[in-house]
């Protein structure tokens, strides 16, 4: 091998090494010295087989979905203890099914006033659904600005960047739900709401691989169905968060996780907290707790 070929081989090896670099994920509480670092914190509350998640970064916070109404009081009390009744920057609803919006409606009824309520619907869709109509009516009564968001929109939360993805045209609220790509430094999350395998196929075929790539993924639709293999390979996560109790998992989902050697944490078994400094992740769980 001549000198020029050796240099080319070395450069190729370096490129391969850099493209394979990935975050380390530790399943334990973060070290004490992390308390002084800028961090992104992602809390996935235990609301059984439903979604209620809190993002916190740089002194700003964002609630993504609120779980069903039967957990609303516990969610309200938990957020109150964190001093978030009137200080959240955003509350976002991915779609208007009760296991995602029920708690938000209750929070607004109980006087929570975020900086904005973000949701994906136009006036015609809103008028057709009583839950969304009531939630927006409560937001407006509390002088909460309501903003429609959709595919390609960008949000900031502290130093974190959040890009919204959405696929339209399929006859399903789950399929049309909002997906969030959250990036903080070199760390990232893909929050898949309740999207169907058809939407995962669409994203794989139509979205840049680097947009889908993430360290952590919130499994679509509470892990009820296995994820599209091409989509999951493109995301290439280090761990999966599933918003469901572990005993409700279907065999095909468990088989997929095992075949991909993907560790999974189930928020339905206890609230999950994932923290990153922009490089690595620490994931801790409180069994049974909201």
Foldseek 3Di string as FASTA:
>chain_A
DDPVVVVVVVVVVVVVVVVPDAFAEAADDDDPVCVPFFKWKKKFAQLAQAGWIWIAGQHEIEIEFAAAQVCLVVSLVVCVVVVQQEGHQEYEFQFQDRRGHHNLLVSLVVRRAHQAYEYADDPVVQVVDPSSVSNVVSNVVNVHHYDHDEAQDWDDHHQKIKGWYADDDDPDRLQGTIWIWIADAQAIEIEREAHDQVSLVVCLVPPDLVSLAHQEYADHSQQQDAHDPSSCVSNVYQAYEGAHPPVNHDPVSVVVCVVSVHHYDYNNQFMWMWMDSNGYIYIYGDGPGD
